[in-house]
């Protein structure tokens, strides 16, 4: 496949200040699902950081090895054609574990760049970096780490000489020269995140034009299989955007808020930096207009809590209706924040799917990991209310919470089969770096994965957290059997055929034939 180069790869005469890299870890993270069924999402934070730096005069580029499905040698050849002052690996993804699993490809490529003979200055930023900055800095191929989202630290880095004056830049870690020039990992004072009042100004948009493409913009990106109603032909072009950052809640298993980190202390978790910041509805409308003009119809709103604050989502949805955009959108909602009186507005604006974090069928298990913030709600009634408005549901379930046993996990599976929503995600519980659960696991001596691949839900080396009653292998085996039972269930397949069509049912049956190999289970 011939992939067209973006502006900066075709204008080599420019001296590039920063090249943002989205590494390729897809094969190890998703196994054979990566070939056809997994999504390929635009690199959200690479796009945001690139546009932010460009808006104050820096020359930047984006290298997306994931979208182009480039191997290590292909990546090296492309990158060596340019000479950026700073290479920034953006270790981040919309899935909660993506930052950690992206380390698979990032370290491999960063090491190869260091071994290539060129004097590259390499920085890492993103969720895993914010969770474990000193660990990331310990790798010989990493020169600098940026904590939190890294906006202001990055601006100041690019204004510096990237040498002796980095000791004065807030929000970064670097290697100080010790005795005999021995490198000593060091964190500078923390830097703030972009405050609410400066969101539109300091994070002014997405650098869509810097992405690679084949025939037309964003055609290397593909929506989730279900988002396109299980029709492969509707999956591109695809885009994903945020209208807000962060979450007001502090669930034990979640590390999303770690990119808001503004403290350097040890064992800082996502729960220490919860909160939300919003772009203006005008800013969102501007970005959506760009995407509509680029031909995008399949759009993900990536906010953790879009269906939470009507002060922000109501004008955004009304703008979509007024502008006449024809987006097929999906977004998240907690089960206990769905507002029945706004579902008609969601549907009219083009929100065809709502992703619900059901998590567990047992109320006690669910409340334990959500710090009691989960209100007592009738999940069945919530799902019926949504579906009565002709909005489809993707339910998210997690098997293997600390209090889970076979009985409670069967409760979760039984609930999933009963709800029989149009799509379901089923995850083994992972103590993800940056989550409160990760530090609890370390404190209690619970076994954690020995590799980055081990934190990937669908990988060969996936190693979920053991519960108080079950081993990691028992949790993983149950999850895989539950997934297979759901997607081969005749009630579910009939729902798909009735709602989407016979070919879409066949597509799901083809997906269900792909068996994940698991080291933990003896494969």
Protein backbone atom coordinates (compact mmCIF):
# COMPACT_ATOMS: atom_id res chain seq x y z
CA UNK A 1 0.00 0.00 0.00
CA UNK A 2 1.32 3.42 -0.92
CA UNK A 3 0.86 5.83 1.94
CA UNK A 4 1.02 9.52 1.17
CA UNK A 5 3.39 11.55 3.29
CA UNK A 6 2.18 14.36 5.48
CA UNK A 7 3.48 17.88 5.03
CA UNK A 8 6.64 17.60 7.08
CA UNK A 9 7.80 14.29 5.65
CA UNK A 10 7.57 15.77 2.16
CA UNK A 11 9.28 19.08 3.07
CA UNK A 12 12.62 17.82 4.33
CA UNK A 13 14.25 21.22 3.98
CA UNK A 14 12.51 22.37 7.14
CA UNK A 15 14.28 22.03 10.46
CA UNK A 16 11.71 20.21 12.53
CA UNK A 17 11.53 21.11 16.20
CA UNK A 18 9.54 18.08 17.37
CA UNK A 19 8.42 14.82 15.84
CA UNK A 20 5.57 13.13 17.70
CA UNK A 21 5.61 9.35 17.40
CA UNK A 22 2.70 6.97 17.85
CA UNK A 23 4.38 3.54 18.09
CA UNK A 24 3.00 0.30 16.69
CA UNK A 25 2.21 -2.30 19.36
CA UNK A 26 -0.93 -3.67 17.70
CA UNK A 27 0.13 -7.23 16.90
CA UNK A 28 1.34 -8.00 20.42
CA UNK A 29 -1.56 -6.19 22.10
CA UNK A 30 -4.41 -7.59 19.97
CA UNK A 31 -2.94 -10.71 18.32
CA UNK A 32 -4.88 -11.72 15.18
CA UNK A 33 -7.72 -9.32 16.00
CA UNK A 34 -5.36 -6.51 14.91
CA UNK A 35 -5.58 -7.60 11.27
CA UNK A 36 -9.24 -6.76 10.76
CA UNK A 37 -11.35 -6.33 13.85
CA UNK A 38 -9.54 -3.95 16.23
CA UNK A 39 -9.93 -0.22 15.79
CA UNK A 40 -7.13 2.05 14.58
CA UNK A 41 -7.66 5.38 16.31
CA UNK A 42 -6.09 8.72 15.45
CA UNK A 43 -3.32 9.54 17.98
CA UNK A 44 -5.31 12.04 20.02
CA UNK A 45 -2.55 13.47 22.20
CA UNK A 46 -0.02 13.59 19.37
CA UNK A 47 -2.55 15.69 17.46
CA UNK A 48 -3.27 17.98 20.42
CA UNK A 49 0.38 18.47 21.38
CA UNK A 50 1.46 19.05 17.78
CA UNK A 51 -1.18 21.73 17.24
CA UNK A 52 -0.36 23.36 20.57
CA UNK A 53 3.34 23.62 19.69
CA UNK A 54 2.60 24.72 16.14
CA UNK A 55 0.33 27.48 17.39
CA UNK A 56 3.29 29.19 19.09
CA UNK A 57 5.62 28.91 16.11
CA UNK A 58 7.35 25.55 16.30
CA UNK A 59 7.72 23.23 13.30
CA UNK A 60 6.29 19.81 14.12
CA UNK A 61 5.40 16.49 12.52
CA UNK A 62 3.54 13.31 13.41
CA UNK A 63 4.79 9.82 12.66
CA UNK A 64 2.05 7.21 13.14
CA UNK A 65 3.61 3.76 12.89
CA UNK A 66 0.40 2.23 14.22
CA UNK A 67 -1.83 3.59 11.44
CA UNK A 68 0.68 2.74 8.73
CA UNK A 69 1.34 -0.67 10.33
CA UNK A 70 5.08 -0.17 9.91
CA UNK A 71 7.60 -2.61 11.27
CA UNK A 72 10.76 -1.54 13.05
CA UNK A 73 13.00 -1.27 9.98
CA UNK A 74 10.41 0.65 7.99
CA UNK A 75 9.97 3.08 10.87
CA UNK A 76 13.71 3.66 11.23
CA UNK A 77 14.10 4.38 7.52
CA UNK A 78 11.34 6.98 7.54
CA UNK A 79 12.48 8.75 10.70
CA UNK A 80 16.12 8.99 9.61
CA UNK A 81 15.05 11.04 6.59
CA UNK A 82 14.44 13.96 8.93
CA UNK A 83 16.36 15.45 11.82
CA UNK A 84 14.01 16.69 14.54
CA UNK A 85 15.52 18.50 17.50
CA UNK A 86 13.32 16.40 19.77
CA UNK A 87 11.57 13.08 19.24
CA UNK A 88 8.52 12.72 21.46
CA UNK A 89 7.00 9.29 21.99
CA UNK A 90 3.37 9.85 22.98
CA UNK A 91 2.53 6.85 25.13
CA UNK A 92 -1.19 7.19 25.30
CA UNK A 93 -4.40 5.69 23.96
CA UNK A 94 -8.13 5.94 24.50
CA UNK A 95 -8.35 2.50 26.11
CA UNK A 96 -7.35 2.58 29.79
CA UNK A 97 -4.43 0.20 29.31
CA UNK A 98 -3.17 1.69 26.04
CA UNK A 99 -0.46 3.84 27.57
CA UNK A 100 1.19 0.85 29.18
CA UNK A 101 0.80 -1.48 26.20
CA UNK A 102 2.17 1.23 23.87
CA UNK A 103 5.46 0.88 25.73
CA UNK A 104 5.96 -2.40 23.83
CA UNK A 105 6.53 -0.70 20.49
CA UNK A 106 7.84 2.57 21.93
CA UNK A 107 10.88 1.11 23.70
CA UNK A 108 11.70 -1.10 20.74
CA UNK A 109 11.70 1.84 18.33
CA UNK A 110 13.41 4.26 20.75
CA UNK A 111 16.21 1.77 21.35
CA UNK A 112 16.67 1.23 17.62
CA UNK A 113 16.84 4.99 17.05
CA UNK A 114 19.53 5.33 19.70
CA UNK A 115 21.46 2.49 18.04
CA UNK A 116 21.14 4.04 14.58
CA UNK A 117 24.16 6.29 15.04
CA UNK A 118 22.24 9.57 15.06
CA UNK A 119 22.30 11.75 18.14
CA UNK A 120 18.55 11.80 18.78
CA UNK A 121 17.14 13.47 21.87
CA UNK A 122 14.19 11.29 22.93
CA UNK A 123 11.34 12.21 25.27
CA UNK A 124 8.40 10.15 26.51
CA UNK A 125 5.01 11.60 27.50
CA UNK A 126 1.61 10.10 28.23
CA UNK A 127 -0.36 8.08 30.73
CA UNK A 128 2.21 5.37 31.50
CA UNK A 129 4.97 7.97 31.71
CA UNK A 130 2.94 10.01 34.21
CA UNK A 131 2.16 6.90 36.21
CA UNK A 132 5.77 5.69 36.53
CA UNK A 133 8.08 8.52 35.44
CA UNK A 134 11.21 7.24 37.19
CA UNK A 135 10.73 3.76 35.77
CA UNK A 136 10.42 5.12 32.24
CA UNK A 137 13.43 7.40 32.75
CA UNK A 138 15.53 4.42 33.80
CA UNK A 139 15.61 3.10 30.22
CA UNK A 140 18.82 4.05 28.43
CA UNK A 141 16.93 5.08 25.27
CA UNK A 142 14.87 7.70 27.16
CA UNK A 143 16.50 11.08 27.76
CA UNK A 144 13.53 13.05 29.09
CA UNK A 145 10.10 12.30 30.53
CA UNK A 146 7.22 14.76 30.72
CA UNK A 147 4.72 14.45 33.53
CA UNK A 148 0.97 14.94 33.09
CA UNK A 149 -0.20 16.04 29.64
CA UNK A 150 3.10 17.84 29.19
CA UNK A 151 1.84 20.93 27.33
CA UNK A 152 3.78 23.64 29.15
CA UNK A 153 6.83 21.47 29.80
CA UNK A 154 6.99 20.71 26.09
CA UNK A 155 6.69 24.39 25.13
CA UNK A 156 9.55 25.24 27.44
CA UNK A 157 11.66 22.32 26.28
CA UNK A 158 11.40 23.47 22.67
CA UNK A 159 12.40 26.99 23.73
CA UNK A 160 15.50 25.58 25.43
CA UNK A 161 18.80 24.26 24.07
CA UNK A 162 17.78 20.73 25.24
CA UNK A 163 21.08 20.50 27.09
CA UNK A 164 22.23 22.19 30.28
CA UNK A 165 19.15 24.41 30.71
CA UNK A 166 16.69 21.49 31.02
CA UNK A 167 17.50 21.42 34.73
CA UNK A 168 15.35 24.55 35.08
CA UNK A 169 12.28 23.30 33.18
CA UNK A 170 9.31 22.35 35.33
CA UNK A 171 7.34 19.18 34.71
CA UNK A 172 10.11 17.02 33.30
CA UNK A 173 12.54 14.35 34.38
CA UNK A 174 16.01 13.95 32.94
CA UNK A 175 19.35 12.29 33.67
CA UNK A 176 21.72 14.39 35.70
CA UNK A 177 25.40 13.62 35.40
CA UNK A 178 26.76 12.11 38.59
CA UNK A 179 30.22 10.87 39.58
CA UNK A 180 32.14 9.52 36.58
CA UNK A 181 29.29 10.86 34.41
CA UNK A 182 26.98 8.18 35.76
CA UNK A 183 23.38 9.17 34.80
CA UNK A 184 21.10 9.92 37.76
CA UNK A 185 17.35 10.02 36.97
CA UNK A 186 16.00 13.29 38.35
CA UNK A 187 12.56 14.91 38.46
CA UNK A 188 12.27 18.70 38.34
CA UNK A 189 9.51 20.63 40.07
CA UNK A 190 6.05 19.76 38.77
CA UNK A 191 4.25 21.81 36.12
CA UNK A 192 0.55 22.68 36.00
CA UNK A 193 -1.90 21.28 33.49
CA UNK A 194 -3.72 23.64 31.14
CA UNK A 195 -6.32 25.42 33.31
CA UNK A 196 -9.97 25.60 32.35
CA UNK A 197 -9.78 29.24 31.27
CA UNK A 198 -6.94 28.53 28.81
CA UNK A 199 -8.17 25.30 27.24
CA UNK A 200 -9.19 26.90 23.93
CA UNK A 201 -6.01 28.97 23.74
CA UNK A 202 -3.24 26.59 24.84
CA UNK A 203 -4.82 23.42 23.40
CA UNK A 204 -6.23 25.15 20.29
CA UNK A 205 -7.14 22.09 18.23
CA UNK A 206 -6.02 18.97 16.39
CA UNK A 207 -3.32 18.87 13.72
CA UNK A 208 -5.37 16.63 11.40
CA UNK A 209 -3.32 17.67 8.36
CA UNK A 210 -0.18 16.07 9.79
CA UNK A 211 -1.60 12.53 9.71
CA UNK A 212 -0.62 10.06 6.98
CA UNK A 213 -3.28 8.80 4.59
CA UNK A 214 -3.73 6.56 1.59
CA UNK A 215 -6.25 8.11 -0.81
CA UNK A 216 -7.99 10.67 1.42
CA UNK A 217 -7.54 12.11 4.93
CA UNK A 218 -8.13 9.76 7.86
CA UNK A 219 -8.63 6.69 5.67
CA UNK A 220 -5.88 4.79 7.49
CA UNK A 221 -7.98 4.96 10.65
CA UNK A 222 -10.88 2.60 11.24
CA UNK A 223 -13.72 2.70 13.72
CA UNK A 224 -14.50 -0.05 16.16
CA UNK A 225 -16.21 -2.92 14.34
CA UNK A 226 -19.47 -2.45 16.24
CA UNK A 227 -19.46 1.36 15.86
CA UNK A 228 -19.89 0.83 12.11
CA UNK A 229 -22.82 -1.52 12.81
CA UNK A 230 -20.57 -4.52 12.17
CA UNK A 231 -20.05 -3.43 8.56
CA UNK A 232 -16.37 -3.22 7.58
CA UNK A 233 -17.12 -0.87 4.67
CA UNK A 234 -18.36 1.88 7.00
CA UNK A 235 -15.29 2.00 9.25
CA UNK A 236 -13.25 4.63 7.41
CA UNK A 237 -12.59 7.51 7.39
CA UNK A 238 -12.75 7.66 11.18
CA UNK A 239 -11.85 10.21 13.84
CA UNK A 240 -12.04 10.59 17.60
CA UNK A 241 -12.06 13.80 19.62
CA UNK A 242 -12.34 15.00 23.18
CA UNK A 243 -14.70 17.75 24.27
CA UNK A 244 -13.42 17.47 27.85
CA UNK A 245 -10.49 15.96 29.71
CA UNK A 246 -10.53 13.87 32.86
CA UNK A 247 -13.17 12.41 35.13
CA UNK A 248 -14.77 13.44 38.43
CA UNK A 249 -14.72 9.93 39.82
CA UNK A 250 -11.90 7.82 41.32
CA UNK A 251 -12.54 4.15 40.58
CA UNK A 252 -9.87 1.80 41.91
CA UNK A 253 -9.25 0.10 38.57
CA UNK A 254 -8.96 3.27 36.47
CA UNK A 255 -5.84 5.31 35.67
CA UNK A 256 -7.34 7.85 33.24
CA UNK A 257 -6.79 10.86 35.50
CA UNK A 258 -3.06 10.20 35.86
CA UNK A 259 -2.41 12.58 32.96
CA UNK A 260 -3.60 15.37 35.29
CA UNK A 261 -0.75 14.65 37.70
CA UNK A 262 0.80 17.72 39.33
CA UNK A 263 2.74 16.08 42.19
CA UNK A 264 6.12 14.36 42.20
CA UNK A 265 5.69 12.17 45.25
CA UNK A 266 5.84 8.40 45.15
CA UNK A 267 2.66 6.36 44.78
CA UNK A 268 0.68 9.19 43.21
CA UNK A 269 -2.36 7.59 41.59
CA UNK A 270 -5.10 8.78 39.25
CA UNK A 271 -7.34 9.24 42.29
CA UNK A 272 -5.09 12.10 43.44
CA UNK A 273 -5.85 14.19 40.36
CA UNK A 274 -9.48 13.62 39.50
CA UNK A 275 -11.44 16.41 37.88
CA UNK A 276 -12.68 17.64 34.52
CA UNK A 277 -11.77 20.46 32.17
CA UNK A 278 -13.87 21.44 29.17
CA UNK A 279 -13.30 23.07 25.83
CA UNK A 280 -15.92 25.59 24.77
CA UNK A 281 -18.80 24.46 22.53
CA UNK A 282 -17.45 26.85 19.89
CA UNK A 283 -14.06 25.08 19.94
CA UNK A 284 -15.76 21.69 19.61
CA UNK A 285 -17.90 22.91 16.73
CA UNK A 286 -14.81 24.23 14.93
CA UNK A 287 -13.11 20.82 15.15
CA UNK A 288 -16.26 18.98 14.10
CA UNK A 289 -16.62 21.26 11.10
CA UNK A 290 -13.07 20.37 10.04
CA UNK A 291 -13.87 16.67 10.29
CA UNK A 292 -17.13 17.02 8.38
CA UNK A 293 -15.26 18.84 5.60
CA UNK A 294 -12.74 15.97 5.53
CA UNK A 295 -15.57 13.53 4.90
CA UNK A 296 -15.69 11.94 8.35
CA UNK A 297 -19.02 10.45 9.31
CA UNK A 298 -17.94 7.87 11.91
CA UNK A 299 -16.88 9.82 15.00
CA UNK A 300 -16.02 8.87 18.54
CA UNK A 301 -16.46 11.35 21.37
CA UNK A 302 -13.74 10.06 23.66
CA UNK A 303 -14.67 11.91 26.86
CA UNK A 304 -14.72 9.74 29.93
CA UNK A 305 -17.93 11.40 31.07
CA UNK A 306 -19.62 13.14 28.14
CA UNK A 307 -23.11 12.36 29.46
CA UNK A 308 -22.54 14.14 32.78
CA UNK A 309 -22.68 17.93 32.58
CA UNK A 310 -25.54 19.24 30.44
CA UNK A 311 -24.07 22.75 30.59
CA UNK A 312 -21.44 21.47 28.15
CA UNK A 313 -23.01 18.60 26.22
CA UNK A 314 -26.31 20.32 25.45
CA UNK A 315 -24.85 23.20 23.35
CA UNK A 316 -22.45 20.78 21.62
CA UNK A 317 -25.30 18.52 20.55
CA UNK A 318 -27.45 21.47 19.50
CA UNK A 319 -24.58 22.81 17.38
CA UNK A 320 -24.31 19.45 15.62
CA UNK A 321 -28.02 19.56 14.81
CA UNK A 322 -27.93 23.21 13.69
CA UNK A 323 -24.89 22.62 11.46
CA UNK A 324 -26.49 19.57 9.88
CA UNK A 325 -23.53 17.26 10.46
CA UNK A 326 -24.29 13.63 9.62
CA UNK A 327 -22.08 11.95 12.18
CA UNK A 328 -22.58 8.44 13.50
CA UNK A 329 -21.23 8.94 17.03
CA UNK A 330 -20.66 7.02 20.21
CA UNK A 331 -19.71 8.17 23.65
CA UNK A 332 -19.47 7.04 27.26
CA UNK A 333 -21.90 7.28 30.12
CA UNK A 334 -21.98 5.88 33.61
CA UNK A 335 -25.07 3.82 34.29
CA UNK A 336 -26.05 6.22 37.07
CA UNK A 337 -25.64 9.44 35.03
CA UNK A 338 -27.98 8.64 32.12
CA UNK A 339 -30.66 11.34 31.93
CA UNK A 340 -33.82 10.06 30.26
CA UNK A 341 -34.99 13.54 29.30
CA UNK A 342 -31.88 14.15 27.14
CA UNK A 343 -31.79 10.90 25.17
CA UNK A 344 -33.93 12.36 22.38
CA UNK A 345 -31.36 15.13 21.93
CA UNK A 346 -28.53 12.60 21.83
CA UNK A 347 -30.32 10.56 19.18
CA UNK A 348 -31.23 13.58 17.06
CA UNK A 349 -27.60 14.76 17.07
CA UNK A 350 -26.37 11.39 15.83
CA UNK A 351 -25.28 9.58 19.00
CA UNK A 352 -26.11 6.06 17.86
CA UNK A 353 -24.26 4.20 20.62
CA UNK A 354 -23.80 4.74 24.35
CA UNK A 355 -21.02 2.87 26.13
CA UNK A 356 -22.07 1.93 29.66
CA UNK A 357 -19.68 0.92 32.40
CA UNK A 358 -21.71 -1.85 33.99
CA UNK A 359 -18.42 -3.41 35.24
CA UNK A 360 -19.85 -6.11 37.55
CA UNK A 361 -23.15 -7.85 38.10
CA UNK A 362 -22.73 -7.97 41.86
CA UNK A 363 -23.55 -4.66 43.51
CA UNK A 364 -21.11 -5.16 46.40
CA UNK A 365 -18.23 -5.93 44.03
CA UNK A 366 -19.07 -2.89 41.91
CA UNK A 367 -19.30 -0.49 44.84
CA UNK A 368 -16.02 -1.77 46.31
CA UNK A 369 -14.02 -0.72 43.24
CA UNK A 370 -15.90 2.52 42.60
CA UNK A 371 -15.31 3.82 46.14
CA UNK A 372 -19.04 3.71 46.83
CA UNK A 373 -19.69 6.45 44.28
CA UNK A 374 -21.87 4.15 42.19
CA UNK A 375 -25.46 4.98 43.07
CA UNK A 376 -27.93 2.15 43.45
CA UNK A 377 -29.59 2.00 40.03
CA UNK A 378 -31.65 -0.50 38.13
CA UNK A 379 -29.32 -1.36 35.27
CA UNK A 380 -32.06 -3.20 33.42
CA UNK A 381 -34.32 -0.16 33.45
CA UNK A 382 -31.49 2.13 32.30
CA UNK A 383 -30.73 -0.14 29.33
CA UNK A 384 -34.39 -0.39 28.37
CA UNK A 385 -34.76 3.39 28.56
CA UNK A 386 -31.82 3.90 26.21
CA UNK A 387 -32.91 1.25 23.72
CA UNK A 388 -36.47 2.59 23.69
CA UNK A 389 -34.96 5.76 22.22
CA UNK A 390 -33.36 3.67 19.44
CA UNK A 391 -29.86 4.16 20.82
CA UNK A 392 -27.66 1.07 20.82
CA UNK A 393 -25.61 0.00 23.84
CA UNK A 394 -22.12 -1.31 24.30
CA UNK A 395 -21.80 -2.67 27.82
CA UNK A 396 -18.44 -2.93 29.54
CA UNK A 397 -17.80 -5.76 31.99
CA UNK A 398 -14.73 -6.61 34.07
CA UNK A 399 -13.99 -10.05 35.47
CA UNK A 400 -11.61 -10.55 38.37
CA UNK A 401 -12.07 -7.65 40.76
CA UNK A 402 -10.38 -8.31 44.14
CA UNK A 403 -13.67 -9.45 45.72
CA UNK A 404 -14.70 -11.59 42.74
CA UNK A 405 -15.16 -15.33 42.95
CA UNK A 406 -16.67 -17.78 40.47
CA UNK A 407 -20.16 -17.05 41.77
CA UNK A 408 -19.90 -13.26 41.41
CA UNK A 409 -18.26 -13.53 37.98
CA UNK A 410 -21.11 -15.77 36.89
CA UNK A 411 -23.48 -13.06 38.12
CA UNK A 412 -21.72 -10.64 35.77
CA UNK A 413 -21.94 -13.06 32.84
CA UNK A 414 -25.59 -13.84 33.56
CA UNK A 415 -26.38 -10.12 33.62
CA UNK A 416 -24.58 -9.62 30.31
CA UNK A 417 -26.54 -12.44 28.68
CA UNK A 418 -29.79 -11.13 30.12
CA UNK A 419 -29.21 -7.54 28.99
CA UNK A 420 -28.13 -8.85 25.56
CA UNK A 421 -26.97 -5.42 24.42
CA UNK A 422 -25.87 -4.84 20.84
CA UNK A 423 -22.22 -5.06 21.87
CA UNK A 424 -20.28 -6.03 24.98
CA UNK A 425 -16.66 -5.56 26.02
CA UNK A 426 -15.36 -8.11 28.49
CA UNK A 427 -12.08 -7.38 30.22
CA UNK A 428 -9.95 -9.28 32.69
CA UNK A 429 -9.17 -7.00 35.62
CA UNK A 430 -5.70 -5.46 35.44
CA UNK A 431 -3.99 -3.40 38.10
CA UNK A 432 -2.96 -0.76 35.58
CA UNK A 433 0.01 1.51 36.41
CA UNK A 434 -1.35 4.80 37.70
CA UNK A 435 -4.52 3.29 39.16
CA UNK A 436 -5.13 3.03 42.93
CA UNK A 437 -5.42 -0.72 42.40
CA UNK A 438 -1.83 -0.86 41.10
CA UNK A 439 -0.42 0.59 44.31
CA UNK A 440 -2.69 -1.61 46.41
CA UNK A 441 -1.37 -4.61 44.51
CA UNK A 442 2.25 -3.61 45.16
CA UNK A 443 1.53 -2.89 48.82
CA UNK A 444 -0.20 -6.24 49.32
CA UNK A 445 2.31 -8.26 47.32
CA UNK A 446 -0.17 -9.27 44.63
CA UNK A 447 1.50 -10.62 41.51
CA UNK A 448 1.76 -8.07 38.69
CA UNK A 449 2.71 -8.73 35.06
CA UNK A 450 6.42 -8.94 34.35
CA UNK A 451 6.09 -7.35 30.89
CA UNK A 452 4.18 -4.50 29.26
CA UNK A 453 2.43 -7.08 27.09
CA UNK A 454 1.15 -8.67 30.29
CA UNK A 455 -1.04 -5.61 30.92
CA UNK A 456 -2.76 -5.95 27.52
CA UNK A 457 -6.24 -7.42 27.88
CA UNK A 458 -6.08 -9.41 24.64
CA UNK A 459 -2.38 -10.27 24.37
CA UNK A 460 -0.67 -13.66 24.47
CA UNK A 461 1.10 -12.71 27.70
CA UNK A 462 -1.98 -11.15 29.36
CA UNK A 463 -1.75 -11.68 33.11
CA UNK A 464 -4.72 -10.29 35.01
CA UNK A 465 -4.78 -9.60 38.71
CA UNK A 466 -5.59 -12.61 40.90
CA UNK A 467 -8.57 -12.14 43.19
CA UNK A 468 -8.81 -13.09 46.85
CA UNK A 469 -10.29 -16.38 45.72
CA UNK A 470 -9.06 -17.05 42.17
CA UNK A 471 -5.75 -17.26 40.34
CA UNK A 472 -4.84 -15.10 37.35
CA UNK A 473 -5.26 -18.12 35.08
CA UNK A 474 -8.76 -18.81 36.43
CA UNK A 475 -9.78 -15.19 35.83
CA UNK A 476 -8.39 -15.16 32.29
CA UNK A 477 -9.95 -18.51 31.42
CA UNK A 478 -13.34 -17.35 32.71
CA UNK A 479 -13.13 -14.10 30.74
CA UNK A 480 -12.30 -15.86 27.47
CA UNK A 481 -15.04 -18.44 27.94
CA UNK A 482 -17.54 -15.71 28.86
CA UNK A 483 -16.65 -13.71 25.73
CA UNK A 484 -17.10 -16.78 23.54
CA UNK A 485 -20.41 -17.65 25.19
CA UNK A 486 -21.75 -14.13 24.61
CA UNK A 487 -20.77 -13.82 20.94
CA UNK A 488 -21.94 -17.31 19.98
CA UNK A 489 -25.19 -17.02 21.94
CA UNK A 490 -28.15 -17.54 19.64
CA UNK A 491 -30.21 -14.80 21.31
CA UNK A 492 -27.39 -12.33 20.64
CA UNK A 493 -26.84 -13.45 17.04
CA UNK A 494 -30.57 -13.18 16.37
CA UNK A 495 -30.56 -9.64 17.77
CA UNK A 496 -27.72 -8.71 15.42
CA UNK A 497 -29.38 -10.29 12.40
CA UNK A 498 -32.73 -8.62 13.13
CA UNK A 499 -31.21 -5.21 13.82
CA UNK A 500 -28.28 -5.04 11.39
CA UNK A 501 -28.63 -7.84 8.82
CA UNK A 502 -27.51 -11.34 7.90
CA UNK A 503 -24.08 -10.25 6.62
CA UNK A 504 -23.39 -8.40 9.86
CA UNK A 505 -24.25 -11.55 11.77
CA UNK A 506 -21.82 -13.50 9.59
CA UNK A 507 -19.13 -10.88 10.29
CA UNK A 508 -19.56 -11.46 14.03
CA UNK A 509 -19.44 -15.20 13.56
CA UNK A 510 -16.14 -14.76 11.69
CA UNK A 511 -14.79 -12.66 14.57
CA UNK A 512 -15.82 -15.32 17.09
CA UNK A 513 -13.72 -17.91 15.23
CA UNK A 514 -10.52 -16.06 16.18
CA UNK A 515 -9.16 -17.75 19.26
CA UNK A 516 -6.77 -15.76 21.38
CA UNK A 517 -3.65 -17.63 22.45
CA UNK A 518 -2.79 -17.29 26.12
CA UNK A 519 0.57 -18.16 27.64
CA UNK A 520 -1.02 -18.33 31.09
CA UNK A 521 -3.41 -21.03 29.84
CA UNK A 522 -0.72 -23.18 28.27
CA UNK A 523 -1.12 -22.16 24.61
